């Protein structure tokens, strides 16, 4: 079902799509499939709701978000199972994602009460200067399939806290998680039109949001290519935009690092969600002196990973989302082998009892910059290992000309840690930490990895406009 103006609806054309479990290829659910007409109705509902929602007190908005959070917490297990059956990640990862999703609601329930204005000293005794923070307006949010819960709340929660009604367009591959979240929103009693859910073709719905002058903000998580197009089209109405786009994260291991911890962290970063995350490790750079030992430790850990259905408690790696993803993974592996790479783990499609698209966790040794995997985001369970001699070389090679989302560094030298964090051109840097994402910190990239930030007070500012008031009291 679609959720518009506080009501569950079928599409006007009575169309629907079937959602399949990527691990078993079995039918998991059916949802209504809307389009331009439903998107326009949602825009009108959100626009009408904006007039009252922007005047709602901070305490009231906070209470609504807290109610949503409580309703989500009651559905925690159901949400986790839905994520696993809808997109394939292991259930233990889905549980972690649901907790992260709830943490965004919790955080912004508090941040809703902390939107502050300013007074500025005037240059004349007859004037007073005020700066007000006001909600930007109706917001269109487009979310991906790889984190179908956390990406939704990371956008909805700050928008609602700021006073902006939202129209959510989730990925068509994973709409059922969004439906579950909106069931919680409905139960919490959010005013009609403040949150709307439209499931349908991405191009049609996105273009409707972009063309509307009533939609003043667009937030998107997805590929760099799509993000660029959305930014171009958003310029026609000069919308405020937030873009969390592609990544190509380097993972640097220095000779003074704790190699056991570094290898364990690299496995966790690279192979979470079968490598289908925008911040997962894409390239490992190891200092020459410890390359052999690190590679041995890393390969041992990778070889111990179990592939299978995410509903199996022992599964570490689930399926790829579809055949297209498999084709790209295989292309990158074959290209690396042709250019001198040596596969020391995996390297082929995995055989399991499940029917879905599985690929073995794969490690490629002797990687070089001529390989596609060194330049392009793979979005799969494959990682190349490069070696380097000096700190300066590692930083130069780690800094990508296009991508700048996340990067990681393992070292026991505090001085080096500061030099590296200041030199890496990435919006997120984990020093001896492969899992830095948290609700209270800014998440976002530099260069072609995006604009704007999500999380913390920084994410809230993306939904606010400064209004300057000069008051003459003479």
Protein backbone atom coordinates (compact mmCIF):
# COMPACT_ATOMS: atom_id res chain seq x y z
CA UNK A 1 0.00 0.00 0.00
CA UNK A 2 0.93 3.64 -0.49
CA UNK A 3 0.60 6.12 2.37
CA UNK A 4 -0.70 9.56 1.40
CA UNK A 5 -2.21 12.23 3.65
CA UNK A 6 -2.47 9.85 6.59
CA UNK A 7 -4.25 7.08 4.67
CA UNK A 8 -3.23 3.75 3.14
CA UNK A 9 -4.09 3.59 -0.57
CA UNK A 10 -3.84 1.43 -3.64
CA UNK A 11 -2.45 3.00 -6.79
CA UNK A 12 -4.89 4.75 -9.14
CA UNK A 13 -4.06 2.27 -11.89
CA UNK A 14 -4.40 -0.58 -9.39
CA UNK A 15 -0.87 -1.72 -10.24
CA UNK A 16 1.43 -3.64 -7.92
CA UNK A 17 4.89 -5.19 -7.82
CA UNK A 18 6.07 -8.44 -6.32
CA UNK A 19 9.05 -8.50 -3.98
CA UNK A 20 11.29 -11.59 -4.08
CA UNK A 21 13.72 -12.91 -1.49
CA UNK A 22 17.13 -12.66 -3.24
CA UNK A 23 18.44 -15.67 -1.30
CA UNK A 24 15.68 -18.07 -2.31
CA UNK A 25 14.05 -16.25 -5.26
CA UNK A 26 10.72 -16.97 -3.60
CA UNK A 27 7.88 -14.44 -3.51
CA UNK A 28 7.99 -12.44 -0.28
CA UNK A 29 5.28 -9.83 -0.72
CA UNK A 30 3.25 -7.58 -3.00
CA UNK A 31 2.96 -3.79 -2.76
CA UNK A 32 1.01 -1.12 -4.60
CA UNK A 33 2.93 0.60 -7.38
CA UNK A 34 2.11 4.24 -8.00
CA UNK A 35 3.54 6.99 -10.17
CA UNK A 36 3.21 10.64 -11.12
CA UNK A 37 -0.42 10.99 -10.10
CA UNK A 38 0.19 9.62 -6.60
CA UNK A 39 3.35 11.72 -6.24
CA UNK A 40 1.43 14.88 -7.13
CA UNK A 41 -1.26 14.00 -4.57
CA UNK A 42 1.43 13.50 -1.93
CA UNK A 43 2.99 16.87 -2.81
CA UNK A 44 -0.35 18.60 -2.32
CA UNK A 45 -0.90 16.81 1.00
CA UNK A 46 2.57 17.69 2.24
CA UNK A 47 2.24 21.31 1.13
CA UNK A 48 -1.03 21.69 3.03
CA UNK A 49 0.44 20.02 6.11
CA UNK A 50 3.50 22.28 6.04
CA UNK A 51 1.54 25.35 7.07
CA UNK A 52 0.71 23.81 10.45
CA UNK A 53 3.70 21.48 10.93
CA UNK A 54 6.25 24.30 10.68
CA UNK A 55 4.42 26.06 13.55
CA UNK A 56 4.27 22.94 15.71
CA UNK A 57 6.26 23.48 18.90
CA UNK A 58 9.63 21.85 19.38
CA UNK A 59 8.29 19.81 22.28
CA UNK A 60 5.37 18.49 20.21
CA UNK A 61 7.63 17.48 17.32
CA UNK A 62 9.96 15.80 19.76
CA UNK A 63 7.10 13.83 21.27
CA UNK A 64 5.92 12.64 17.85
CA UNK A 65 9.41 11.41 16.96
CA UNK A 66 9.69 9.69 20.30
CA UNK A 67 6.38 7.89 19.67
CA UNK A 68 7.60 6.76 16.25
CA UNK A 69 10.80 5.49 17.85
CA UNK A 70 8.83 3.53 20.45
CA UNK A 71 6.61 2.02 17.74
CA UNK A 72 9.68 0.99 15.74
CA UNK A 73 11.22 -0.56 18.84
CA UNK A 74 8.08 -2.66 19.28
CA UNK A 75 8.57 -3.89 15.69
CA UNK A 76 12.31 -4.46 15.95
CA UNK A 77 12.34 -8.20 15.24
CA UNK A 78 9.71 -7.96 12.49
CA UNK A 79 11.65 -5.18 10.78
CA UNK A 80 14.90 -7.15 10.90
CA UNK A 81 13.31 -10.24 9.36
CA UNK A 82 11.72 -8.09 6.66
CA UNK A 83 15.10 -6.57 5.75
CA UNK A 84 16.77 -9.98 5.51
CA UNK A 85 14.01 -11.53 3.42
CA UNK A 86 13.74 -8.46 1.23
CA UNK A 87 17.41 -7.77 0.42
CA UNK A 88 19.37 -10.74 1.74
CA UNK A 89 21.76 -9.49 4.43
CA UNK A 90 22.33 -11.81 7.44
CA UNK A 91 19.74 -11.42 10.18
CA UNK A 92 22.38 -10.33 12.71
CA UNK A 93 23.28 -7.44 10.39
CA UNK A 94 19.60 -6.58 9.92
CA UNK A 95 19.12 -6.40 13.68
CA UNK A 96 22.06 -3.99 13.84
CA UNK A 97 20.55 -1.87 11.07
CA UNK A 98 17.18 -1.64 12.83
CA UNK A 99 18.90 -0.47 16.01
CA UNK A 100 20.75 2.18 13.98
CA UNK A 101 17.49 3.25 12.33
CA UNK A 102 15.83 3.67 15.71
CA UNK A 103 18.84 5.60 17.03
CA UNK A 104 18.26 8.27 14.36
CA UNK A 105 14.69 8.72 15.54
CA UNK A 106 15.87 8.88 19.15
CA UNK A 107 18.58 11.43 18.35
CA UNK A 108 16.38 13.77 16.35
CA UNK A 109 13.58 13.52 18.89
CA UNK A 110 16.02 15.39 21.13
CA UNK A 111 17.52 17.63 18.41
CA UNK A 112 14.05 18.93 17.55
CA UNK A 113 14.28 20.90 20.80
CA UNK A 114 17.67 22.40 19.92
CA UNK A 115 17.09 24.56 16.85
CA UNK A 116 18.57 27.87 17.90
CA UNK A 117 18.51 31.33 16.35
CA UNK A 118 20.98 34.16 16.98
CA UNK A 119 21.21 37.85 17.76
CA UNK A 120 24.09 39.71 16.13
CA UNK A 121 25.56 43.02 17.38
CA UNK A 122 24.36 45.77 15.05
CA UNK A 123 26.50 48.60 13.67
CA UNK A 124 23.85 51.13 14.76
CA UNK A 125 22.28 51.66 18.18
CA UNK A 126 18.89 51.98 16.47
CA UNK A 127 18.99 48.46 14.98
CA UNK A 128 18.72 44.91 16.19
CA UNK A 129 19.85 41.99 14.02
CA UNK A 130 18.17 38.58 14.35
CA UNK A 131 18.84 35.30 12.56
CA UNK A 132 15.96 32.82 12.55
CA UNK A 133 16.18 29.13 11.63
CA UNK A 134 13.12 28.00 9.70
CA UNK A 135 12.23 24.75 7.90
CA UNK A 136 13.09 24.76 4.20
CA UNK A 137 9.75 23.17 3.26
CA UNK A 138 8.34 20.04 1.62
CA UNK A 139 11.09 17.45 1.20
CA UNK A 140 11.43 14.62 -1.29
CA UNK A 141 13.55 11.71 -0.02
CA UNK A 142 14.86 8.91 -2.25
CA UNK A 143 16.48 5.93 -0.49
CA UNK A 144 18.47 2.86 -1.64
CA UNK A 145 17.92 -0.87 -1.19
CA UNK A 146 21.08 -1.78 0.74
CA UNK A 147 20.01 -0.15 4.03
CA UNK A 148 16.21 -0.01 3.62
CA UNK A 149 15.54 1.01 7.25
CA UNK A 150 18.48 3.15 8.38
CA UNK A 151 18.53 5.26 5.21
CA UNK A 152 14.82 6.01 5.64
CA UNK A 153 15.01 7.22 9.24
CA UNK A 154 18.28 9.07 8.63
CA UNK A 155 16.38 11.28 6.19
CA UNK A 156 12.88 11.37 7.69
CA UNK A 157 13.88 12.02 11.31
CA UNK A 158 15.84 15.30 10.81
CA UNK A 159 13.31 16.55 8.27
CA UNK A 160 10.43 16.09 10.68
CA UNK A 161 12.45 17.53 13.56
CA UNK A 162 13.16 20.65 11.49
CA UNK A 163 9.48 21.08 10.57
CA UNK A 164 9.57 19.72 7.01
CA UNK A 165 6.87 17.34 5.70
CA UNK A 166 8.37 14.40 3.76
CA UNK A 167 7.54 12.37 0.66
CA UNK A 168 9.55 9.15 0.69
CA UNK A 169 10.35 7.16 -2.43
CA UNK A 170 12.09 3.92 -1.33
CA UNK A 171 13.94 1.55 -3.66
CA UNK A 172 11.54 -0.70 -5.59
CA UNK A 173 13.63 -3.72 -4.59
CA UNK A 174 12.99 -3.15 -0.88
CA UNK A 175 9.66 -1.35 -0.33
CA UNK A 176 8.29 -3.59 2.41
CA UNK A 177 10.70 -2.27 5.05
CA UNK A 178 9.52 1.27 4.27
CA UNK A 179 5.91 0.12 4.62
CA UNK A 180 6.72 -1.29 8.08
CA UNK A 181 8.30 2.02 9.11
CA UNK A 182 5.25 3.94 7.93
CA UNK A 183 3.00 1.61 9.90
CA UNK A 184 4.89 2.84 12.95
CA UNK A 185 4.50 6.45 11.79
CA UNK A 186 0.75 5.93 11.38
CA UNK A 187 0.43 4.30 14.79
CA UNK A 188 2.29 7.23 16.37
CA UNK A 189 -0.45 9.55 15.12
CA UNK A 190 1.64 11.92 13.04
CA UNK A 191 -0.62 14.62 11.53
CA UNK A 192 -1.99 13.91 8.05
CA UNK A 193 0.29 14.82 5.16
CA UNK A 194 3.43 15.24 7.25
CA UNK A 195 4.88 11.90 6.10
CA UNK A 196 3.95 10.25 2.79
CA UNK A 197 5.12 7.03 1.11
CA UNK A 198 5.16 6.59 -2.68
CA UNK A 199 6.37 3.32 -4.23
CA UNK A 200 6.83 3.38 -7.98
CA UNK A 201 9.20 3.97 -10.91
CA UNK A 202 12.21 6.01 -9.82
CA UNK A 203 12.45 8.24 -12.88
CA UNK A 204 8.77 9.18 -12.91
CA UNK A 205 8.47 9.93 -9.20
CA UNK A 206 11.82 11.70 -8.96
CA UNK A 207 10.99 13.90 -11.92
CA UNK A 208 7.62 14.81 -10.42
CA UNK A 209 9.34 15.87 -7.22
CA UNK A 210 11.99 17.80 -9.14
CA UNK A 211 9.48 19.65 -11.34
CA UNK A 212 7.33 20.79 -8.43
CA UNK A 213 7.94 24.28 -7.08
CA UNK A 214 6.23 23.20 -3.86
CA UNK A 215 9.03 20.71 -3.13
CA UNK A 216 11.89 22.80 -1.78
CA UNK A 217 14.37 20.10 -0.77
CA UNK A 218 15.57 16.80 -2.28
CA UNK A 219 17.67 14.28 -0.40
CA UNK A 220 19.06 11.22 -2.19
CA UNK A 221 21.31 8.25 -1.46
CA UNK A 222 22.52 6.27 -4.47
CA UNK A 223 24.94 6.24 -7.35
CA UNK A 224 27.04 9.21 -8.37
CA UNK A 225 25.67 9.14 -11.91
CA UNK A 226 22.05 9.38 -10.75
CA UNK A 227 22.96 11.98 -8.14
CA UNK A 228 24.51 14.23 -10.78
CA UNK A 229 21.36 14.07 -12.88
CA UNK A 230 19.17 14.89 -9.89
CA UNK A 231 21.36 17.87 -9.04
CA UNK A 232 21.13 19.17 -12.60
CA UNK A 233 17.35 18.85 -12.66
CA UNK A 234 17.00 20.31 -9.14
CA UNK A 235 18.72 23.46 -10.39
CA UNK A 236 15.66 24.29 -12.51
CA UNK A 237 13.77 25.24 -9.37
CA UNK A 238 16.91 25.89 -7.26
CA UNK A 239 16.03 23.24 -4.67
CA UNK A 240 18.22 22.63 -1.68
CA UNK A 241 19.84 19.20 -2.13
CA UNK A 242 21.65 16.60 -0.04
CA UNK A 243 23.44 13.86 -1.96
CA UNK A 244 25.10 10.80 -0.43
CA UNK A 245 26.68 9.16 -3.46
CA UNK A 246 29.20 6.48 -4.41
CA UNK A 247 32.34 5.58 -2.50
CA UNK A 248 35.64 3.81 -3.10
CA UNK A 249 37.04 3.50 0.40
CA UNK A 250 40.75 2.84 0.96
CA UNK A 251 41.90 0.84 4.00
CA UNK A 252 45.51 1.65 4.92
CA UNK A 253 47.55 -0.68 7.13
CA UNK A 254 50.87 0.67 8.39
CA UNK A 255 53.78 -1.44 9.63
CA UNK A 256 53.12 -0.39 13.25
CA UNK A 257 49.48 -1.48 13.22
CA UNK A 258 48.06 -4.33 15.27
CA UNK A 259 47.76 -6.68 12.30
CA UNK A 260 45.31 -9.06 13.95
CA UNK A 261 42.89 -6.23 14.71
CA UNK A 262 43.46 -4.65 11.30
CA UNK A 263 42.70 -7.90 9.47
CA UNK A 264 39.57 -8.50 11.54
CA UNK A 265 38.39 -4.93 10.92
CA UNK A 266 39.07 -5.15 7.18
CA UNK A 267 36.91 -8.28 6.96
CA UNK A 268 34.08 -6.59 8.87
CA UNK A 269 34.25 -3.47 6.72
CA UNK A 270 34.63 -5.19 3.35
CA UNK A 271 32.24 -8.09 3.63
CA UNK A 272 29.37 -6.58 5.60
CA UNK A 273 26.22 -6.86 3.49
CA UNK A 274 28.27 -8.84 0.93
CA UNK A 275 30.27 -5.71 0.17
CA UNK A 276 27.14 -3.86 -0.90
CA UNK A 277 27.64 -0.69 1.13
CA UNK A 278 28.84 2.73 0.04
CA UNK A 279 31.37 2.97 2.89
CA UNK A 280 32.78 -0.57 2.73
CA UNK A 281 36.47 -1.09 2.03
CA UNK A 282 37.20 -1.17 -1.70
CA UNK A 283 41.02 -1.06 -1.70
CA UNK A 284 43.47 -2.32 0.93
CA UNK A 285 46.91 -0.70 1.04
CA UNK A 286 49.46 -2.52 3.22
CA UNK A 287 52.99 -1.32 3.98
CA UNK A 288 55.48 -3.62 2.28
CA UNK A 289 57.18 -4.76 5.52
CA UNK A 290 54.00 -6.37 6.87
CA UNK A 291 52.17 -7.19 3.63
CA UNK A 292 52.86 -10.92 3.75
CA UNK A 293 51.77 -11.33 7.37
CA UNK A 294 48.67 -9.16 7.00
CA UNK A 295 47.60 -10.96 3.83
CA UNK A 296 47.95 -14.34 5.56
CA UNK A 297 45.84 -13.24 8.53
CA UNK A 298 43.25 -11.56 6.30
CA UNK A 299 42.92 -14.57 3.95
CA UNK A 300 42.45 -16.95 6.89
CA UNK A 301 39.58 -14.87 8.20
CA UNK A 302 37.98 -14.47 4.76
CA UNK A 303 38.13 -18.22 4.13
CA UNK A 304 36.23 -18.85 7.36
CA UNK A 305 33.21 -16.79 6.28
CA UNK A 306 30.04 -18.77 5.65
CA UNK A 307 27.84 -17.97 2.65
CA UNK A 308 24.11 -18.63 2.66
CA UNK A 309 20.57 -17.55 3.42
CA UNK A 310 20.55 -14.59 5.80
CA UNK A 311 17.91 -16.28 7.96
CA UNK A 312 20.47 -18.94 8.93
CA UNK A 313 22.13 -17.84 12.18
CA UNK A 314 25.54 -19.07 11.00
CA UNK A 315 25.53 -17.06 7.75
CA UNK A 316 28.15 -14.32 7.41
CA UNK A 317 27.53 -13.34 3.78
CA UNK A 318 24.19 -13.30 2.01
CA UNK A 319 23.34 -12.97 -1.70
CA UNK A 320 23.97 -10.15 -4.11
CA UNK A 321 20.85 -8.14 -4.85
CA UNK A 322 20.52 -9.30 -8.49
CA UNK A 323 22.21 -10.75 -11.57
CA UNK A 324 23.39 -7.32 -12.71
CA UNK A 325 25.44 -6.98 -9.54
CA UNK A 326 26.90 -10.44 -10.11
CA UNK A 327 27.94 -9.50 -13.65
CA UNK A 328 29.83 -6.43 -12.39
CA UNK A 329 31.63 -8.43 -9.69
CA UNK A 330 32.69 -11.08 -12.19
CA UNK A 331 33.83 -8.43 -14.66
CA UNK A 332 36.06 -6.78 -12.05
CA UNK A 333 37.59 -10.10 -10.97
CA UNK A 334 38.34 -11.21 -14.54
CA UNK A 335 39.80 -7.81 -15.41
CA UNK A 336 42.07 -7.96 -12.35
CA UNK A 337 43.29 -11.45 -13.27
CA UNK A 338 44.06 -10.34 -16.82
CA UNK A 339 46.15 -7.46 -15.46
CA UNK A 340 48.33 -9.49 -13.12
CA UNK A 341 46.12 -9.98 -10.09
CA UNK A 342 46.28 -13.29 -8.22
CA UNK A 343 43.10 -14.60 -6.57
CA UNK A 344 44.03 -16.07 -3.19
CA UNK A 345 40.47 -16.47 -1.84
CA UNK A 346 37.23 -17.11 -3.70
CA UNK A 347 37.06 -15.88 -7.26
CA UNK A 348 33.89 -17.53 -8.48
CA UNK A 349 30.17 -17.88 -7.97
CA UNK A 350 29.31 -19.68 -4.74
CA UNK A 351 27.35 -22.91 -4.62
CA UNK A 352 24.83 -23.00 -1.77
CA UNK A 353 21.62 -24.74 -0.86
CA UNK A 354 19.82 -21.47 -1.59
CA UNK A 355 18.79 -20.49 -5.12
CA UNK A 356 19.86 -16.85 -5.10
CA UNK A 357 22.84 -14.98 -6.54
CA UNK A 358 25.86 -15.71 -4.35
CA UNK A 359 29.53 -14.92 -4.90
CA UNK A 360 32.47 -16.16 -2.86
CA UNK A 361 34.27 -13.60 -0.68
CA UNK A 362 37.28 -12.85 -2.86
CA UNK A 363 40.76 -11.44 -2.20
CA UNK A 364 43.06 -10.35 -5.04
CA UNK A 365 46.79 -10.05 -4.40
CA UNK A 366 49.31 -8.07 -6.49
CA UNK A 367 46.75 -5.44 -7.41
CA UNK A 368 47.72 -2.42 -9.48
CA UNK A 369 46.13 0.87 -10.57
CA UNK A 370 45.40 -0.31 -14.12
CA UNK A 371 42.63 -2.59 -12.86
CA UNK A 372 38.97 -1.54 -12.96
CA UNK A 373 38.62 -2.54 -9.33
CA UNK A 374 41.22 0.13 -8.43
CA UNK A 375 39.11 2.89 -9.99
CA UNK A 376 35.46 1.78 -9.93
CA UNK A 377 33.12 0.88 -7.07
CA UNK A 378 32.52 -2.90 -7.19
CA UNK A 379 29.62 -3.16 -4.72
CA UNK A 380 30.31 -6.80 -4.05
CA UNK A 381 32.41 -9.19 -1.89
CA UNK A 382 35.73 -8.59 -3.68
CA UNK A 383 38.78 -6.66 -2.44
CA UNK A 384 42.25 -6.06 -3.94
CA UNK A 385 45.42 -5.74 -1.85
CA UNK A 386 48.04 -3.16 -2.86
CA UNK A 387 51.42 -2.58 -1.21
CA UNK A 388 53.25 0.68 -0.52
CA UNK A 389 56.59 1.84 0.84
CA UNK A 390 56.05 5.23 2.49
CA UNK A 391 53.32 7.16 4.27
CA UNK A 392 53.32 9.81 1.55
CA UNK A 393 52.83 7.17 -1.14
CA UNK A 394 49.92 5.58 0.76
CA UNK A 395 48.10 8.90 1.08
CA UNK A 396 48.66 9.85 -2.55
CA UNK A 397 47.33 6.52 -3.81
CA UNK A 398 44.45 6.40 -1.33
CA UNK A 399 43.10 9.82 -2.36
CA UNK A 400 40.79 9.11 -5.29
CA UNK A 401 40.29 11.80 -7.97
CA UNK A 402 36.48 11.39 -7.87
CA UNK A 403 35.40 9.59 -4.72
CA UNK A 404 35.69 10.99 -1.20
CA UNK A 405 33.16 9.27 1.06
CA UNK A 406 34.92 7.01 3.59
CA UNK A 407 38.47 5.87 4.36
CA UNK A 408 40.21 3.83 7.04
CA UNK A 409 43.67 3.74 8.59
CA UNK A 410 45.28 1.36 11.08
CA UNK A 411 48.34 2.53 12.99
CA UNK A 412 49.62 2.68 16.57
CA UNK A 413 51.46 5.97 15.97
CA UNK A 414 49.35 8.92 17.19
CA UNK A 415 51.41 11.46 15.25
CA UNK A 416 50.91 9.47 12.05
CA UNK A 417 47.19 9.15 12.78
CA UNK A 418 46.85 12.95 12.83
CA UNK A 419 48.95 13.41 9.69
CA UNK A 420 46.90 10.84 7.80
CA UNK A 421 43.46 12.08 8.95
CA UNK A 422 44.39 15.61 7.88
CA UNK A 423 45.69 14.44 4.49
CA UNK A 424 42.95 12.03 3.42
CA UNK A 425 40.33 13.72 1.23
CA UNK A 426 37.29 11.92 2.64
CA UNK A 427 34.23 13.01 4.58
CA UNK A 428 34.46 10.02 6.95
CA UNK A 429 37.74 8.68 8.34
CA UNK A 430 38.06 5.71 10.68
CA UNK A 431 41.35 5.57 12.58
CA UNK A 432 41.62 2.06 14.01
CA UNK A 433 37.83 1.97 13.58
CA UNK A 434 36.14 0.20 10.67
CA UNK A 435 32.57 0.97 11.83
CA UNK A 436 32.42 4.74 12.44
CA UNK A 437 28.77 5.39 11.54
CA UNK A 438 26.65 6.73 14.40
CA UNK A 439 23.53 8.89 14.70
CA UNK A 440 25.23 11.83 16.40
CA UNK A 441 28.05 12.35 13.87
CA UNK A 442 28.02 13.81 10.33
CA UNK A 443 27.84 11.28 7.48
CA UNK A 444 28.67 12.39 3.95
CA UNK A 445 31.34 12.75 1.32
CA UNK A 446 33.60 15.11 -0.55
CA UNK A 447 34.18 15.54 -4.29
CA UNK A 448 31.81 13.39 -6.37
CA UNK A 449 30.74 11.37 -3.35
CA UNK A 450 28.13 13.95 -2.49
CA UNK A 451 27.11 17.22 -0.89
CA UNK A 452 25.66 17.86 2.54
CA UNK A 453 25.71 15.73 5.67
CA UNK A 454 23.34 13.35 7.45
CA UNK A 455 23.46 12.68 11.18
CA UNK A 456 24.01 14.82 14.25
CA UNK A 457 23.30 18.55 14.35
CA UNK A 458 24.80 18.75 10.86
CA UNK A 459 22.02 16.64 9.37
CA UNK A 460 19.39 18.89 10.95
CA UNK A 461 20.88 22.00 9.33
CA UNK A 462 20.27 20.48 5.89
CA UNK A 463 16.52 21.02 6.44
CA UNK A 464 16.72 24.59 7.73
CA UNK A 465 17.07 28.03 6.14
CA UNK A 466 18.54 31.09 7.84
CA UNK A 467 16.29 34.16 7.81
CA UNK A 468 18.00 37.47 8.54
CA UNK A 469 15.83 40.14 10.21
CA UNK A 470 17.02 43.70 10.65
CA UNK A 471 14.82 45.60 13.11
CA UNK A 472 14.97 49.38 13.30
CA UNK A 473 13.80 50.47 16.75
CA UNK A 474 14.61 54.17 16.38
